């Protein structure tokens, strides 16, 4: 099954520009990154800045952290050029409905990005790791968006540093083994926000998923599950850019990625194929446990 899943993932991600999760090629570089001080770039948008500070202080564990506004980093650029620093920035996609004035990306991308030198624009050359966020983010959404984003990044580093050899850091290998324990989703209820599921014909979502599912959940219910780090819930969300729509299923507790699918930007909603894929993963876990 693992080989089959490996080939499936390899085919699925052949056209993705950035490697999923991160761009580190060796275990040595990951170990060295632990000694880097991560500068969390704050912006004048107070809702984002307050939320990212709170999320980092609670959920980030891989490196030391400091906080600085973008304008202050630009004023003291020599300090950050000479020191051993990396930078956490928010890249807003071109089609985003997020009104905050944040960073951007050379290759359109919406979410948190860790880069190796300060810039308000992420490039393929300076990108180290990243985590997708929703395209539509209002003031009240920042808390849950930053919680998930920081947890996804932290999960990547803490998983990647444990790989047995450098080849295990490749995009296909990481997707094959991440998270290591998919059994955590066996008894989880799946929440899909209202109007984000494509219902066709007589397909029954609960049967397709083979579990408890709510395809008409309101956004507040999902956000509360994230804030509470609810261990009984997983949920669906998507992040869209110019070329792709990235559909993710993550746990409310610790944002463990259970399933990821990248498709055209017109196909962002959860559908029957997603539920069948999740069921197959659960079936395989059950089979392996017997």
Protein backbone atom coordinates (compact mmCIF):
# COMPACT_ATOMS: atom_id res chain seq x y z
CA UNK A 1 0.00 0.00 0.00
CA UNK A 2 2.81 2.40 0.86
CA UNK A 3 4.35 1.99 -2.61
CA UNK A 4 0.97 2.55 -4.26
CA UNK A 5 0.37 5.67 -2.18
CA UNK A 6 3.89 6.87 -2.96
CA UNK A 7 3.22 6.64 -6.71
CA UNK A 8 -0.15 8.33 -6.29
CA UNK A 9 1.42 11.23 -4.45
CA UNK A 10 4.30 11.47 -6.92
CA UNK A 11 1.84 11.82 -9.81
CA UNK A 12 -0.42 14.17 -7.88
CA UNK A 13 2.29 16.69 -7.08
CA UNK A 14 4.28 16.60 -10.31
CA UNK A 15 3.13 20.07 -11.32
CA UNK A 16 3.46 21.87 -7.98
CA UNK A 17 6.09 24.62 -8.14
CA UNK A 18 7.08 24.65 -4.48
CA UNK A 19 7.89 21.44 -2.63
CA UNK A 20 5.12 20.76 -0.16
CA UNK A 21 6.04 21.69 3.43
CA UNK A 22 9.63 22.79 2.92
CA UNK A 23 12.66 23.02 0.67
CA UNK A 24 15.38 21.52 2.90
CA UNK A 25 17.47 18.92 1.11
CA UNK A 26 19.62 17.48 3.92
CA UNK A 27 19.22 16.51 7.54
CA UNK A 28 22.31 18.56 8.32
CA UNK A 29 20.64 21.74 7.06
CA UNK A 30 17.58 21.02 9.20
CA UNK A 31 19.73 20.46 12.27
CA UNK A 32 21.64 23.66 11.54
CA UNK A 33 18.39 25.58 11.21
CA UNK A 34 17.68 24.88 14.90
CA UNK A 35 20.36 27.44 15.74
CA UNK A 36 18.71 30.09 13.58
CA UNK A 37 16.69 32.84 15.24
CA UNK A 38 13.32 33.11 13.54
CA UNK A 39 12.18 36.71 13.21
CA UNK A 40 8.40 36.91 13.08
CA UNK A 41 7.66 39.84 10.79
CA UNK A 42 4.85 42.00 12.16
CA UNK A 43 2.81 44.40 10.07
CA UNK A 44 0.69 47.41 10.87
CA UNK A 45 -2.39 45.19 10.76
CA UNK A 46 -2.86 44.73 14.51
CA UNK A 47 -5.16 41.69 14.23
CA UNK A 48 -2.58 39.70 12.26
CA UNK A 49 0.35 40.80 14.41
CA UNK A 50 -1.36 40.00 17.71
CA UNK A 51 -2.54 36.62 16.44
CA UNK A 52 0.78 35.49 15.00
CA UNK A 53 2.57 36.46 18.22
CA UNK A 54 0.10 34.46 20.30
CA UNK A 55 0.26 31.43 18.00
CA UNK A 56 4.06 31.42 17.85
CA UNK A 57 4.45 31.73 21.60
CA UNK A 58 2.13 28.78 22.16
CA UNK A 59 2.76 26.40 19.26
CA UNK A 60 6.26 27.01 17.86
CA UNK A 61 9.08 24.92 19.32
CA UNK A 62 11.78 24.42 16.70
CA UNK A 63 13.88 27.59 16.98
CA UNK A 64 14.34 30.68 19.09
CA UNK A 65 12.02 33.53 18.12
CA UNK A 66 11.97 37.30 18.13
CA UNK A 67 9.39 39.76 16.82
CA UNK A 68 9.95 42.86 14.72
CA UNK A 69 7.84 45.10 12.51
CA UNK A 70 8.69 45.13 8.83
CA UNK A 71 9.60 48.82 8.90
CA UNK A 72 11.99 48.29 11.82
CA UNK A 73 13.72 45.40 10.06
CA UNK A 74 14.22 47.60 7.01
CA UNK A 75 15.72 50.37 9.20
CA UNK A 76 18.17 47.96 10.82
CA UNK A 77 18.83 45.78 7.81
CA UNK A 78 22.57 45.41 8.56
CA UNK A 79 21.82 43.67 11.87
CA UNK A 80 19.75 41.01 10.17
CA UNK A 81 22.17 40.55 7.30
CA UNK A 82 25.06 39.81 9.63
CA UNK A 83 23.22 37.56 12.08
CA UNK A 84 21.94 34.02 11.80
CA UNK A 85 18.31 34.88 11.08
CA UNK A 86 15.34 33.57 9.14
CA UNK A 87 12.03 35.35 8.74
CA UNK A 88 8.39 34.34 9.05
CA UNK A 89 6.16 36.40 6.77
CA UNK A 90 2.60 36.23 5.50
CA UNK A 91 2.28 36.03 1.72
CA UNK A 92 -1.06 37.20 0.38
CA UNK A 93 -2.22 35.66 -2.90
CA UNK A 94 -3.26 37.94 -5.74
CA UNK A 95 -6.88 36.78 -5.64
CA UNK A 96 -7.11 36.94 -1.85
CA UNK A 97 -10.03 38.72 -0.20
CA UNK A 98 -7.75 39.56 2.70
CA UNK A 99 -7.59 43.37 3.00
CA UNK A 100 -4.56 43.53 5.30
CA UNK A 101 -1.32 44.97 3.88
CA UNK A 102 1.09 42.06 4.22
CA UNK A 103 3.71 40.34 2.07
CA UNK A 104 3.43 38.64 -1.31
CA UNK A 105 5.07 35.89 -3.33
CA UNK A 106 6.83 35.78 -6.68
CA UNK A 107 5.09 32.46 -7.32
CA UNK A 108 1.55 33.28 -6.18
CA UNK A 109 0.91 31.73 -2.76
CA UNK A 110 -1.39 32.39 0.18
CA UNK A 111 -0.16 31.62 3.69
CA UNK A 112 2.77 31.70 6.10
CA UNK A 113 6.26 31.40 4.67
CA UNK A 114 9.68 31.06 6.29
CA UNK A 115 12.40 32.70 4.20
CA UNK A 116 16.17 32.82 4.65
CA UNK A 117 16.60 36.56 4.14
CA UNK A 118 14.26 39.45 4.75
CA UNK A 119 12.02 40.48 1.92
CA UNK A 120 8.35 41.33 1.73
CA UNK A 121 8.22 39.18 -1.37
CA UNK A 122 8.81 35.43 -1.21
CA UNK A 123 10.89 33.89 -4.01
CA UNK A 124 11.80 30.30 -4.84
CA UNK A 125 15.37 31.15 -3.86
CA UNK A 126 14.61 32.40 -0.34
CA UNK A 127 11.76 30.01 0.58
CA UNK A 128 12.49 27.47 3.33
CA UNK A 129 9.04 26.29 4.43
CA UNK A 130 5.42 27.31 4.20
CA UNK A 131 1.84 26.59 5.28
CA UNK A 132 -1.37 27.37 3.41
CA UNK A 133 -4.05 29.69 4.80
CA UNK A 134 -7.56 30.59 3.67
CA UNK A 135 -7.93 33.22 0.97
CA UNK A 136 -10.68 35.07 2.78
CA UNK A 137 -9.46 36.29 6.17
CA UNK A 138 -11.34 38.91 8.16
CA UNK A 139 -10.22 40.39 11.48
CA UNK A 140 -11.87 37.65 13.54
CA UNK A 141 -10.30 34.88 11.44
CA UNK A 142 -6.67 35.64 12.17
CA UNK A 143 -6.51 33.73 15.45
CA UNK A 144 -7.45 30.38 13.94
CA UNK A 145 -5.58 30.94 10.67
CA UNK A 146 -2.32 31.63 12.48
CA UNK A 147 -2.83 28.73 14.91
CA UNK A 148 -3.16 26.28 12.04
CA UNK A 149 -0.36 27.86 10.01
CA UNK A 150 2.14 27.82 12.86
CA UNK A 151 1.21 24.25 13.80
CA UNK A 152 1.60 23.05 10.21
CA UNK A 153 5.05 24.63 10.01
CA UNK A 154 6.10 23.25 13.37
CA UNK A 155 4.85 19.79 12.37
CA UNK A 156 6.92 19.92 9.20
CA UNK A 157 10.17 20.67 11.00
CA UNK A 158 9.63 18.19 13.81
CA UNK A 159 8.76 15.47 11.28
CA UNK A 160 11.45 16.28 8.73
CA UNK A 161 14.25 16.30 11.28
CA UNK A 162 13.43 12.67 12.13
CA UNK A 163 13.75 11.21 8.62
CA UNK A 164 16.26 8.41 8.26
CA UNK A 165 18.14 9.77 5.26
CA UNK A 166 18.20 12.80 2.99
CA UNK A 167 16.00 11.18 0.35
CA UNK A 168 13.24 11.13 2.96
CA UNK A 169 13.00 14.92 2.67
CA UNK A 170 11.80 14.79 -0.92
CA UNK A 171 8.30 16.04 -1.66
CA UNK A 172 6.97 12.57 -2.49
CA UNK A 173 8.54 10.89 0.54
CA UNK A 174 7.31 13.56 2.94
CA UNK A 175 3.77 13.30 1.60
CA UNK A 176 3.89 9.52 1.82
CA UNK A 177 4.85 9.49 5.48
CA UNK A 178 3.27 12.69 6.79
CA UNK A 179 1.76 12.47 9.30
CA UNK A 180 3.36 9.26 10.48
CA UNK A 181 0.22 8.13 12.29
CA UNK A 182 -2.94 8.44 10.21
CA UNK A 183 -4.78 6.32 12.76
CA UNK A 184 -5.52 9.54 14.64
CA UNK A 185 -8.35 10.26 12.20
CA UNK A 186 -10.17 6.93 12.59
CA UNK A 187 -12.81 8.21 14.98
CA UNK A 188 -12.77 11.90 14.12
CA UNK A 189 -15.83 13.81 12.98
CA UNK A 190 -15.25 15.64 9.70
CA UNK A 191 -16.52 19.22 9.43
CA UNK A 192 -16.96 20.81 6.01
CA UNK A 193 -18.11 24.41 5.98
CA UNK A 194 -21.54 25.08 4.51
CA UNK A 195 -21.49 25.43 0.69
CA UNK A 196 -17.99 23.95 0.42
CA UNK A 197 -19.08 20.43 -0.51
CA UNK A 198 -20.12 19.34 -4.01
CA UNK A 199 -23.09 17.01 -3.57
CA UNK A 200 -23.91 14.98 -6.67
CA UNK A 201 -26.74 12.54 -7.23
CA UNK A 202 -27.62 10.20 -4.41
CA UNK A 203 -24.13 10.00 -2.92
CA UNK A 204 -24.31 9.92 0.87
CA UNK A 205 -21.31 11.76 2.41
CA UNK A 206 -21.43 9.69 5.60
CA UNK A 207 -21.24 6.48 3.58
CA UNK A 208 -18.44 7.77 1.35
CA UNK A 209 -16.44 8.89 4.38
CA UNK A 210 -17.55 5.94 6.50
CA UNK A 211 -17.79 8.13 9.55
CA UNK A 212 -19.43 11.07 11.24
CA UNK A 213 -19.50 14.08 8.93
CA UNK A 214 -21.21 17.47 8.80
CA UNK A 215 -21.15 19.08 5.34
CA UNK A 216 -23.10 22.11 6.54
CA UNK A 217 -20.92 23.22 9.43
CA UNK A 218 -20.73 26.94 10.06
CA UNK A 219 -17.38 28.70 10.12
CA UNK A 220 -17.73 29.55 13.81
CA UNK A 221 -18.03 25.85 14.75
CA UNK A 222 -14.82 25.02 12.92
CA UNK A 223 -13.02 27.99 14.42
CA UNK A 224 -14.11 27.03 17.91
CA UNK A 225 -12.82 23.50 17.38
CA UNK A 226 -9.42 24.96 16.40
CA UNK A 227 -9.33 27.31 19.37
CA UNK A 228 -10.27 24.46 21.71
CA UNK A 229 -7.83 22.08 19.98
CA UNK A 230 -10.71 19.62 19.84
CA UNK A 231 -9.30 16.08 19.65
CA UNK A 232 -12.52 14.69 18.18
CA UNK A 233 -12.64 16.84 15.04
CA UNK A 234 -10.96 17.21 11.67
CA UNK A 235 -12.00 19.74 9.04
CA UNK A 236 -11.62 20.82 5.43
CA UNK A 237 -10.31 24.08 4.04
CA UNK A 238 -8.72 25.28 0.83
CA UNK A 239 -6.16 27.85 -0.33
CA UNK A 240 -6.26 29.11 -3.90
CA UNK A 241 -3.70 30.89 -6.05
CA UNK A 242 -3.38 31.69 -9.75
CA UNK A 243 -2.56 28.16 -10.86
CA UNK A 244 -3.99 25.79 -8.27
CA UNK A 245 -6.50 25.19 -5.53
CA UNK A 246 -5.00 23.30 -2.59
CA UNK A 247 -7.54 21.28 -0.60
CA UNK A 248 -6.48 20.19 2.90
CA UNK A 249 -8.00 18.03 5.61
CA UNK A 250 -6.45 18.66 9.02
CA UNK A 251 -7.16 17.81 12.62
CA UNK A 252 -8.44 20.57 14.89
CA UNK A 253 -5.89 19.48 17.50
CA UNK A 254 -2.30 20.19 16.43
CA UNK A 255 -3.27 20.63 12.74
CA UNK A 256 -2.08 17.19 11.64
CA UNK A 257 -2.46 16.95 7.88
CA UNK A 258 -4.52 13.89 6.99
CA UNK A 259 -5.00 14.42 3.27
CA UNK A 260 -3.98 16.95 0.65
CA UNK A 261 -5.10 17.38 -2.94
CA UNK A 262 -4.06 20.01 -5.44
CA UNK A 263 -6.23 20.74 -8.48
CA UNK A 264 -7.27 23.57 -10.80
CA UNK A 265 -8.31 26.90 -9.22
CA UNK A 266 -11.91 26.34 -10.31
CA UNK A 267 -12.29 23.17 -8.26
CA UNK A 268 -11.88 24.22 -4.67
CA UNK A 269 -14.79 22.46 -3.02
CA UNK A 270 -14.63 19.17 -1.17
CA UNK A 271 -16.14 16.33 -3.22
CA UNK A 272 -16.88 12.61 -3.24
CA UNK A 273 -13.35 11.73 -4.38
CA UNK A 274 -11.91 13.37 -1.28
CA UNK A 275 -14.21 11.44 1.03
CA UNK A 276 -13.45 8.16 -0.75
CA UNK A 277 -9.71 8.84 -0.42
CA UNK A 278 -10.09 9.49 3.30
CA UNK A 279 -12.09 6.27 3.68
CA UNK A 280 -9.39 4.32 1.86
CA UNK A 281 -6.76 5.70 4.21
CA UNK A 282 -8.86 4.71 7.21
CA UNK A 283 -9.49 1.25 5.75
CA UNK A 284 -5.79 0.72 5.29
CA UNK A 285 -5.06 1.79 8.87
CA UNK A 286 -7.70 -0.64 10.14
CA UNK A 287 -6.23 -3.40 7.97
CA UNK A 288 -2.71 -2.77 9.28
CA UNK A 289 -3.93 -2.84 12.88
CA UNK A 290 -5.40 -6.36 12.56
